Amino acid sequence: MNNLSIVRTGYVVGGLSVAFFVLCMIWGVILSDPTLKELHLNILKIAYPGFAMSITGFVIGVIESFIYGWIFGALFAWLCRVACVSRGNE
């Protein structure tokens, strides 16, 4: 278990985060109810500071999603390594 790559895990989780962001944006465009659309936009503004429903907002959101995902994935892999070494499961 000690061979879990921090960088590779970061890239995988970052890529998945971008994929989910793109799906979320598609969902936001498909929504027809104005109340749900406003709720969706407000949630995106909370999750991604400075977000706007535009091309630049989309690009910035993709970049932020990748960075957040990469950091989360790298921290997860690092914690797995630390936990395995501290338990003696090298």
PDB file of N, CA and C in Angstrom:
ATOM      1  N   MET A   1       0.818  -1.198   0.000  1.00  0.00           N
ATOM      2  CA  MET A   1       0.000   0.000   0.000  1.00  0.00           C
ATOM      3  C   MET A   1       0.858   1.256   0.000  1.00  0.00           C
ATOM      4  N   ASN A   2       2.124   1.099   0.313  1.00  0.00           N
ATOM      5  CA  ASN A   2       3.021   2.246   0.392  1.00  0.00           C
ATOM      6  C   ASN A   2       3.383   2.793  -0.988  1.00  0.00           C
ATOM      7  N   ASN A   3       3.021   2.082  -2.053  1.00  0.00           N
ATOM      8  CA  ASN A   3       3.372   2.543  -3.397  1.00  0.00           C
ATOM      9  C   ASN A   3       2.285   3.427  -4.018  1.00  0.00           C
ATOM     10  N   LEU A   4       1.366   3.941  -3.211  1.00  0.00           N
ATOM     11  CA  LEU A   4       0.334   4.851  -3.699  1.00  0.00           C
ATOM     12  C   LEU A   4       0.987   6.177  -4.083  1.00  0.00           C
ATOM     13  N   SER A   5       0.895   6.522  -5.354  1.00  0.00           N
ATOM     14  CA  SER A   5       1.541   7.730  -5.860  1.00  0.00           C
ATOM     15  C   SER A   5       0.721   8.967  -5.514  1.00  0.00           C
ATOM     16  N   ILE A   6       1.362   9.897  -4.846  1.00  0.00           N
ATOM     17  CA  ILE A   6       0.687  11.137  -4.462  1.00  0.00           C
ATOM     18  C   ILE A   6       0.336  11.953  -5.704  1.00  0.00           C
ATOM     19  N   VAL A   7       1.271  12.073  -6.624  1.00  0.00           N
ATOM     20  CA  VAL A   7       1.048  12.886  -7.831  1.00  0.00           C
ATOM     21  C   VAL A   7      -0.033  12.257  -8.713  1.00  0.00           C
ATOM     22  N   ARG A   8       0.049  10.951  -8.940  1.00  0.00           N
ATOM     23  CA  ARG A   8      -0.932  10.284  -9.795  1.00  0.00           C
ATOM     24  C   ARG A   8      -2.334  10.364  -9.191  1.00  0.00           C
ATOM     25  N   THR A   9      -2.424  10.138  -7.886  1.00  0.00           N
ATOM     26  CA  THR A   9      -3.726  10.239  -7.222  1.00  0.00           C
ATOM     27  C   THR A   9      -4.270  11.658  -7.331  1.00  0.00           C
ATOM     28  N   GLY A  10      -3.396  12.650  -7.193  1.00  0.00           N
ATOM     29  CA  GLY A  10      -3.821  14.039  -7.352  1.00  0.00           C
ATOM     30  C   GLY A  10      -4.379  14.305  -8.737  1.00  0.00           C
ATOM     31  N   TYR A  11      -3.699  13.798  -9.767  1.00  0.00           N
ATOM     32  CA  TYR A  11      -4.173  14.011 -11.137  1.00  0.00           C
ATOM     33  C   TYR A  11      -5.499  13.295 -11.395  1.00  0.00           C
ATOM     34  N   VAL A  12      -5.645  12.084 -10.869  1.00  0.00           N
ATOM     35  CA  VAL A  12      -6.888  11.338 -11.083  1.00  0.00           C
ATOM     36  C   VAL A  12      -8.064  12.042 -10.415  1.00  0.00           C
ATOM     37  N   VAL A  13      -7.898  12.426  -9.153  1.00  0.00           N
ATOM     38  CA  VAL A  13      -8.990  13.101  -8.445  1.00  0.00           C
ATOM     39  C   VAL A  13      -9.246  14.479  -9.059  1.00  0.00           C
ATOM     40  N   GLY A  14      -8.202  15.169  -9.500  1.00  0.00           N
ATOM     41  CA  GLY A  14      -8.384  16.452 -10.179  1.00  0.00           C
ATOM     42  C   GLY A  14      -9.165  16.298 -11.473  1.00  0.00           C
ATOM     43  N   GLY A  15      -8.854  15.266 -12.241  1.00  0.00           N
ATOM     44  CA  GLY A  15      -9.584  15.006 -13.482  1.00  0.00           C
ATOM     45  C   GLY A  15     -11.043  14.658 -13.235  1.00  0.00           C
ATOM     46  N   LEU A  16     -11.293  13.843 -12.210  1.00  0.00           N
ATOM     47  CA  LEU A  16     -12.675  13.515 -11.858  1.00  0.00           C
ATOM     48  C   LEU A  16     -13.437  14.754 -11.394  1.00  0.00           C
ATOM     49  N   SER A  17     -12.761  15.611 -10.671  1.00  0.00           N
ATOM     50  CA  SER A  17     -13.382  16.850 -10.203  1.00  0.00           C
ATOM     51  C   SER A  17     -13.776  17.735 -11.387  1.00  0.00           C
ATOM     52  N   VAL A  18     -12.919  17.817 -12.380  1.00  0.00           N
ATOM     53  CA  VAL A  18     -13.238  18.596 -13.588  1.00  0.00           C
ATOM     54  C   VAL A  18     -14.426  17.972 -14.321  1.00  0.00           C
ATOM     55  N   ALA A  19     -14.440  16.640 -14.428  1.00  0.00           N
ATOM     56  CA  ALA A  19     -15.554  15.969 -15.106  1.00  0.00           C
ATOM     57  C   ALA A  19     -16.875  16.248 -14.395  1.00  0.00           C
ATOM     58  N   PHE A  20     -16.871  16.199 -13.067  1.00  0.00           N
ATOM     59  CA  PHE A  20     -18.097  16.490 -12.321  1.00  0.00           C
ATOM     60  C   PHE A  20     -18.504  17.956 -12.462  1.00  0.00           C
ATOM     61  N   PHE A  21     -17.533  18.852 -12.532  1.00  0.00           N
ATOM     62  CA  PHE A  21     -17.854  20.267 -12.732  1.00  0.00           C
ATOM     63  C   PHE A  21     -18.510  20.480 -14.092  1.00  0.00           C
ATOM     64  N   VAL A  22     -17.981  19.851 -15.118  1.00  0.00           N
ATOM     65  CA  VAL A  22     -18.559  19.988 -16.460  1.00  0.00           C
ATOM     66  C   VAL A  22     -19.986  19.430 -16.476  1.00  0.00           C
ATOM     67  N   LEU A  23     -20.191  18.269 -15.839  1.00  0.00           N
ATOM     68  CA  LEU A  23     -21.544  17.716 -15.756  1.00  0.00           C
ATOM     69  C   LEU A  23     -22.479  18.647 -14.992  1.00  0.00           C
ATOM     70  N   CYS A  24     -21.970  19.261 -13.951  1.00  0.00           N
ATOM     71  CA  CYS A  24     -22.761  20.207 -13.166  1.00  0.00           C
ATOM     72  C   CYS A  24     -23.134  21.427 -14.013  1.00  0.00           C
ATOM     73  N   MET A  25     -22.208  21.907 -14.819  1.00  0.00           N
ATOM     74  CA  MET A  25     -22.494  23.048 -15.691  1.00  0.00           C
ATOM     75  C   MET A  25     -23.539  22.677 -16.750  1.00  0.00           C
ATOM     76  N   ILE A  26     -23.421  21.479 -17.312  1.00  0.00           N
ATOM     77  CA  ILE A  26     -24.414  21.024 -18.290  1.00  0.00           C
ATOM     78  C   ILE A  26     -25.786  20.937 -17.630  1.00  0.00           C
ATOM     79  N   TRP A  27     -25.815  20.397 -16.411  1.00  0.00           N
ATOM     80  CA  TRP A  27     -27.070  20.311 -15.671  1.00  0.00           C
ATOM     81  C   TRP A  27     -27.663  21.710 -15.450  1.00  0.00           C
ATOM     82  N   GLY A  28     -26.820  22.672 -15.123  1.00  0.00           N
ATOM     83  CA  GLY A  28     -27.290  24.037 -14.907  1.00  0.00           C
ATOM     84  C   GLY A  28     -27.868  24.666 -16.157  1.00  0.00           C
ATOM     85  N   VAL A  29     -27.335  24.320 -17.313  1.00  0.00           N
ATOM     86  CA  VAL A  29     -27.856  24.856 -18.576  1.00  0.00           C
ATOM     87  C   VAL A  29     -29.178  24.178 -18.939  1.00  0.00           C
ATOM     88  N   ILE A  30     -29.299  22.882 -18.620  1.00  0.00           N
ATOM     89  CA  ILE A  30     -30.502  22.123 -18.968  1.00  0.00           C
ATOM     90  C   ILE A  30     -31.698  22.495 -18.086  1.00  0.00           C
ATOM     91  N   LEU A  31     -31.455  22.902 -16.848  1.00  0.00           N
ATOM     92  CA  LEU A  31     -32.557  23.210 -15.928  1.00  0.00           C
ATOM     93  C   LEU A  31     -33.513  24.227 -16.541  1.00  0.00           C
ATOM     94  N   SER A  32     -34.804  23.952 -16.419  1.00  0.00           N
ATOM     95  CA  SER A  32     -35.788  24.869 -16.998  1.00  0.00           C
ATOM     96  C   SER A  32     -36.497  25.717 -15.943  1.00  0.00           C
ATOM     97  N   ASP A  33     -36.568  25.234 -14.708  1.00  0.00           N
ATOM     98  CA  ASP A  33     -37.243  25.981 -13.648  1.00  0.00           C
ATOM     99  C   ASP A  33     -36.350  27.127 -13.177  1.00  0.00           C
ATOM    100  N   PRO A  34     -36.820  28.374 -13.227  1.00  0.00           N
ATOM    101  CA  PRO A  34     -35.977  29.512 -12.833  1.00  0.00           C
ATOM    102  C   PRO A  34     -35.537  29.468 -11.371  1.00  0.00           C
ATOM    103  N   THR A  35     -36.384  28.920 -10.501  1.00  0.00           N
ATOM    104  CA  THR A  35     -36.015  28.826  -9.087  1.00  0.00           C
ATOM    105  C   THR A  35     -34.855  27.856  -8.898  1.00  0.00           C
ATOM    106  N   LEU A  36     -34.927  26.704  -9.557  1.00  0.00           N
ATOM    107  CA  LEU A  36     -33.834  25.735  -9.464  1.00  0.00           C
ATOM    108  C   LEU A  36     -32.559  26.270 -10.103  1.00  0.00           C
ATOM    109  N   LYS A  37     -32.716  27.003 -11.195  1.00  0.00           N
ATOM    110  CA  LYS A  37     -31.559  27.595 -11.857  1.00  0.00           C
ATOM    111  C   LYS A  37     -30.857  28.592 -10.939  1.00  0.00           C
ATOM    112  N   GLU A  38     -31.639  29.408 -10.232  1.00  0.00           N
ATOM    113  CA  GLU A  38     -31.066  30.374  -9.301  1.00  0.00           C
ATOM    114  C   GLU A  38     -30.386  29.661  -8.132  1.00  0.00           C
ATOM    115  N   LEU A  39     -31.018  28.606  -7.614  1.00  0.00           N
ATOM    116  CA  LEU A  39     -30.417  27.823  -6.534  1.00  0.00           C
ATOM    117  C   LEU A  39     -29.092  27.208  -6.988  1.00  0.00           C
ATOM    118  N   HIS A  40     -29.087  26.643  -8.180  1.00  0.00           N
ATOM    119  CA  HIS A  40     -27.882  26.033  -8.736  1.00  0.00           C
ATOM    120  C   HIS A  40     -26.766  27.062  -8.872  1.00  0.00           C
ATOM    121  N   LEU A  41     -27.095  28.237  -9.366  1.00  0.00           N
ATOM    122  CA  LEU A  41     -26.107  29.302  -9.526  1.00  0.00           C
ATOM    123  C   LEU A  41     -25.573  29.764  -8.173  1.00  0.00           C
ATOM    124  N   ASN A  42     -26.445  29.883  -7.174  1.00  0.00           N
ATOM    125  CA  ASN A  42     -25.995  30.291  -5.839  1.00  0.00           C
ATOM    126  C   ASN A  42     -25.077  29.252  -5.203  1.00  0.00           C
ATOM    127  N   ILE A  43     -25.378  27.973  -5.401  1.00  0.00           N
ATOM    128  CA  ILE A  43     -24.501  26.920  -4.873  1.00  0.00           C
ATOM    129  C   ILE A  43     -23.140  26.977  -5.557  1.00  0.00           C
ATOM    130  N   LEU A  44     -23.125  27.208  -6.866  1.00  0.00           N
ATOM    131  CA  LEU A  44     -21.852  27.334  -7.580  1.00  0.00           C
ATOM    132  C   LEU A  44     -21.060  28.543  -7.093  1.00  0.00           C
ATOM    133  N   LYS A  45     -21.746  29.633  -6.792  1.00  0.00           N
ATOM    134  CA  LYS A  45     -21.054  30.828  -6.288  1.00  0.00           C
ATOM    135  C   LYS A  45     -20.457  30.583  -4.910  1.00  0.00           C
ATOM    136  N   ILE A  46     -21.104  29.743  -4.097  1.00  0.00           N
ATOM    137  CA  ILE A  46     -20.554  29.399  -2.782  1.00  0.00           C
ATOM    138  C   ILE A  46     -19.339  28.490  -2.942  1.00  0.00           C
ATOM    139  N   ALA A  47     -19.442  27.494  -3.815  1.00  0.00           N
ATOM    140  CA  ALA A  47     -18.355  26.524  -3.986  1.00  0.00           C
ATOM    141  C   ALA A  47     -17.160  27.115  -4.730  1.00  0.00           C
ATOM    142  N   TYR A  48     -17.423  28.025  -5.665  1.00  0.00           N
ATOM    143  CA  TYR A  48     -16.368  28.620  -6.477  1.00  0.00           C
ATOM    144  C   TYR A  48     -16.452  30.137  -6.350  1.00  0.00           C
ATOM    145  N   PRO A  49     -15.644  30.723  -5.490  1.00  0.00           N
ATOM    146  CA  PRO A  49     -15.701  32.179  -5.272  1.00  0.00           C
ATOM    147  C   PRO A  49     -15.505  32.955  -6.578  1.00  0.00           C
ATOM    148  N   GLY A  50     -16.356  33.935  -6.800  1.00  0.00           N
ATOM    149  CA  GLY A  50     -16.262  34.762  -7.996  1.00  0.00           C
ATOM    150  C   GLY A  50     -16.854  34.126  -9.234  1.00  0.00           C
ATOM    151  N   PHE A  51     -17.627  33.053  -9.089  1.00  0.00           N
ATOM    152  CA  PHE A  51     -18.170  32.345 -10.242  1.00  0.00           C
ATOM    153  C   PHE A  51     -19.255  33.160 -10.929  1.00  0.00           C
ATOM    154  N   ALA A  52     -19.261  33.117 -12.257  1.00  0.00           N
ATOM    155  CA  ALA A  52     -20.329  33.700 -13.069  1.00  0.00           C
ATOM    156  C   ALA A  52     -20.627  32.726 -14.205  1.00  0.00           C
ATOM    157  N   MET A  53     -21.878  32.663 -14.623  1.00  0.00           N
ATOM    158  CA  MET A  53     -22.278  31.748 -15.684  1.00  0.00           C
ATOM    159  C   MET A  53     -21.881  32.353 -17.026  1.00  0.00           C
ATOM    160  N   SER A  54     -20.606  32.170 -17.392  1.00  0.00           N
ATOM    161  CA  SER A  54     -20.073  32.681 -18.653  1.00  0.00           C
ATOM    162  C   SER A  54     -18.917  31.775 -19.072  1.00  0.00           C
ATOM    163  N   ILE A  55     -18.339  32.063 -20.216  1.00  0.00           N
ATOM    164  CA  ILE A  55     -17.209  31.266 -20.693  1.00  0.00           C
ATOM    165  C   ILE A  55     -16.017  31.423 -19.753  1.00  0.00           C
ATOM    166  N   THR A  56     -15.724  32.647 -19.336  1.00  0.00           N
ATOM    167  CA  THR A  56     -14.596  32.842 -18.411  1.00  0.00           C
ATOM    168  C   THR A  56     -14.892  32.195 -17.061  1.00  0.00           C
ATOM    169  N   GLY A  57     -16.145  32.257 -16.613  1.00  0.00           N
ATOM    170  CA  GLY A  57     -16.522  31.586 -15.371  1.00  0.00           C
ATOM    171  C   GLY A  57     -16.347  30.083 -15.482  1.00  0.00           C
ATOM    172  N   PHE A  58     -16.677  29.535 -16.655  1.00  0.00           N
ATOM    173  CA  PHE A  58     -16.503  28.103 -16.882  1.00  0.00           C
ATOM    174  C   PHE A  58     -15.026  27.722 -16.839  1.00  0.00           C
ATOM    175  N   VAL A  59     -14.188  28.488 -17.525  1.00  0.00           N
ATOM    176  CA  VAL A  59     -12.746  28.189 -17.556  1.00  0.00           C
ATOM    177  C   VAL A  59     -12.140  28.300 -16.162  1.00  0.00           C
ATOM    178  N   ILE A  60     -12.489  29.355 -15.449  1.00  0.00           N
ATOM    179  CA  ILE A  60     -11.972  29.522 -14.088  1.00  0.00           C
ATOM    180  C   ILE A  60     -12.476  28.394 -13.192  1.00  0.00           C
ATOM    181  N   GLY A  61     -13.735  27.990 -13.365  1.00  0.00           N
ATOM    182  CA  GLY A  61     -14.289  26.883 -12.586  1.00  0.00           C
ATOM    183  C   GLY A  61     -13.580  25.569 -12.860  1.00  0.00           C
ATOM    184  N   VAL A  62     -13.236  25.314 -14.126  1.00  0.00           N
ATOM    185  CA  VAL A  62     -12.492  24.094 -14.465  1.00  0.00           C
ATOM    186  C   VAL A  62     -11.123  24.111 -13.796  1.00  0.00           C
ATOM    187  N   ILE A  63     -10.449  25.249 -13.848  1.00  0.00           N
ATOM    188  CA  ILE A  63      -9.126  25.362 -13.224  1.00  0.00           C
ATOM    189  C   ILE A  63      -9.231  25.179 -11.713  1.00  0.00           C
ATOM    190  N   GLU A  64     -10.207  25.849 -11.086  1.00  0.00           N
ATOM    191  CA  GLU A  64     -10.387  25.704  -9.639  1.00  0.00           C
ATOM    192  C   GLU A  64     -10.740  24.269  -9.270  1.00  0.00           C
ATOM    193  N   SER A  65     -11.599  23.626 -10.058  1.00  0.00           N
ATOM    194  CA  SER A  65     -11.973  22.238  -9.780  1.00  0.00           C
ATOM    195  C   SER A  65     -10.757  21.332  -9.822  1.00  0.00           C
ATOM    196  N   PHE A  66      -9.917  21.527 -10.834  1.00  0.00           N
ATOM    197  CA  PHE A  66      -8.730  20.685 -10.936  1.00  0.00           C
ATOM    198  C   PHE A  66      -7.800  20.910  -9.750  1.00  0.00           C
ATOM    199  N   ILE A  67      -7.587  22.158  -9.387  1.00  0.00           N
ATOM    200  CA  ILE A  67      -6.683  22.459  -8.265  1.00  0.00           C
ATOM    201  C   ILE A  67      -7.232  21.887  -6.967  1.00  0.00           C
ATOM    202  N   TYR A  68      -8.527  22.129  -6.687  1.00  0.00           N
ATOM    203  CA  TYR A  68      -9.132  21.585  -5.466  1.00  0.00           C
ATOM    204  C   TYR A  68      -9.052  20.059  -5.460  1.00  0.00           C
ATOM    205  N   GLY A  69      -9.372  19.436  -6.586  1.00  0.00           N
ATOM    206  CA  GLY A  69      -9.321  17.977  -6.680  1.00  0.00           C
ATOM    207  C   GLY A  69      -7.912  17.440  -6.519  1.00  0.00           C
ATOM    208  N   TRP A  70      -6.934  18.119  -7.129  1.00  0.00           N
ATOM    209  CA  TRP A  70      -5.554  17.661  -7.023  1.00  0.00           C
ATOM    210  C   TRP A  70      -5.085  17.729  -5.567  1.00  0.00           C
ATOM    211  N   ILE A  71      -5.389  18.824  -4.901  1.00  0.00           N
ATOM    212  CA  ILE A  71      -4.977  18.966  -3.498  1.00  0.00           C
ATOM    213  C   ILE A  71      -5.647  17.896  -2.646  1.00  0.00           C
ATOM    214  N   PHE A  72      -6.945  17.682  -2.832  1.00  0.00           N
ATOM    215  CA  PHE A  72      -7.660  16.672  -2.057  1.00  0.00           C
ATOM    216  C   PHE A  72      -7.089  15.283  -2.320  1.00  0.00           C
ATOM    217  N   GLY A  73      -6.841  14.944  -3.589  1.00  0.00           N
ATOM    218  CA  GLY A  73      -6.286  13.633  -3.927  1.00  0.00           C
ATOM    219  C   GLY A  73      -4.886  13.432  -3.373  1.00  0.00           C
ATOM    220  N   ALA A  74      -4.056  14.461  -3.457  1.00  0.00           N
ATOM    221  CA  ALA A  74      -2.693  14.359  -2.924  1.00  0.00           C
ATOM    222  C   ALA A  74      -2.715  14.202  -1.407  1.00  0.00           C
ATOM    223  N   LEU A  75      -3.573  14.949  -0.736  1.00  0.00           N
ATOM    224  CA  LEU A  75      -3.686  14.808   0.723  1.00  0.00           C
ATOM    225  C   LEU A  75      -4.201  13.426   1.107  1.00  0.00           C
ATOM    226  N   PHE A  76      -5.153  12.911   0.350  1.00  0.00           N
ATOM    227  CA  PHE A  76      -5.672  11.574   0.617  1.00  0.00           C
ATOM    228  C   PHE A  76      -4.576  10.520   0.467  1.00  0.00           C
ATOM    229  N   ALA A  77      -3.809  10.588  -0.621  1.00  0.00           N
ATOM    230  CA  ALA A  77      -2.732   9.619  -0.837  1.00  0.00           C
ATOM    231  C   ALA A  77      -1.663   9.746   0.238  1.00  0.00           C
ATOM    232  N   TRP A  78      -1.325  10.965   0.611  1.00  0.00           N
ATOM    233  CA  TRP A  78      -0.325  11.176   1.662  1.00  0.00           C
ATOM    234  C   TRP A  78      -0.808  10.599   2.987  1.00  0.00           C
ATOM    235  N   LEU A  79      -2.073  10.847   3.334  1.00  0.00           N
ATOM    236  CA  LEU A  79      -2.618  10.305   4.575  1.00  0.00           C
ATOM    237  C   LEU A  79      -2.642   8.783   4.555  1.00  0.00           C
ATOM    238  N   CYS A  80      -2.942   8.185   3.405  1.00  0.00           N
ATOM    239  CA  CYS A  80      -2.899   6.722   3.303  1.00  0.00           C
ATOM    240  C   CYS A  80      -1.483   6.208   3.525  1.00  0.00           C
ATOM    241  N   ARG A  81      -0.505   6.872   2.953  1.00  0.00           N
ATOM    242  CA  ARG A  81       0.891   6.470   3.163  1.00  0.00           C
ATOM    243  C   ARG A  81       1.285   6.579   4.625  1.00  0.00           C
ATOM    244  N   VAL A  82       0.944   7.701   5.254  1.00  0.00           N
ATOM    245  CA  VAL A  82       1.306   7.918   6.657  1.00  0.00           C
ATOM    246  C   VAL A  82       0.627   6.885   7.543  1.00  0.00           C
ATOM    247  N   ALA A  83      -0.641   6.588   7.285  1.00  0.00           N
ATOM    248  CA  ALA A  83      -1.374   5.624   8.105  1.00  0.00           C
ATOM    249  C   ALA A  83      -0.793   4.224   7.949  1.00  0.00           C
ATOM    250  N   CYS A  84      -0.390   3.849   6.741  1.00  0.00           N
ATOM    251  CA  CYS A  84       0.168   2.515   6.529  1.00  0.00           C
ATOM    252  C   CYS A  84       1.533   2.375   7.180  1.00  0.00           C
ATOM    253  N   VAL A  85       2.354   3.407   7.112  1.00  0.00           N
ATOM    254  CA  VAL A  85       3.685   3.353   7.715  1.00  0.00           C
ATOM    255  C   VAL A  85       3.570   3.345   9.234  1.00  0.00           C
ATOM    256  N   SER A  86       2.662   4.130   9.791  1.00  0.00           N
ATOM    257  CA  SER A  86       2.540   4.188  11.244  1.00  0.00           C
ATOM    258  C   SER A  86       1.978   2.890  11.810  1.00  0.00           C
ATOM    259  N   ARG A  87       1.238   2.120  11.024  1.00  0.00           N
ATOM    260  CA  ARG A  87       0.713   0.836  11.475  1.00  0.00           C
ATOM    261  C   ARG A  87       1.695  -0.297  11.213  1.00  0.00           C
ATOM    262  N   GLY A  88       2.748  -0.014  10.481  1.00  0.00           N
ATOM    263  CA  GLY A  88       3.735  -1.041  10.162  1.00  0.00           C
ATOM    264  C   GLY A  88       3.365  -1.882   8.958  1.00  0.00           C
ATOM    265  N   ASN A  89       2.484  -1.416   8.117  1.00  0.00           N
ATOM    266  CA  ASN A  89       2.053  -2.149   6.926  1.00  0.00           C
ATOM    267  C   ASN A  89       2.827  -1.707   5.699  1.00  0.00           C
ATOM    268  N   GLU A  90       4.110  -1.703   5.774  1.00  0.00           N
ATOM    269  CA  GLU A  90       4.903  -1.219   4.635  1.00  0.00           C
ATOM    270  C   GLU A  90       4.832  -2.166   3.517  1.00  0.00           C
TER     271      GLU A  90
END
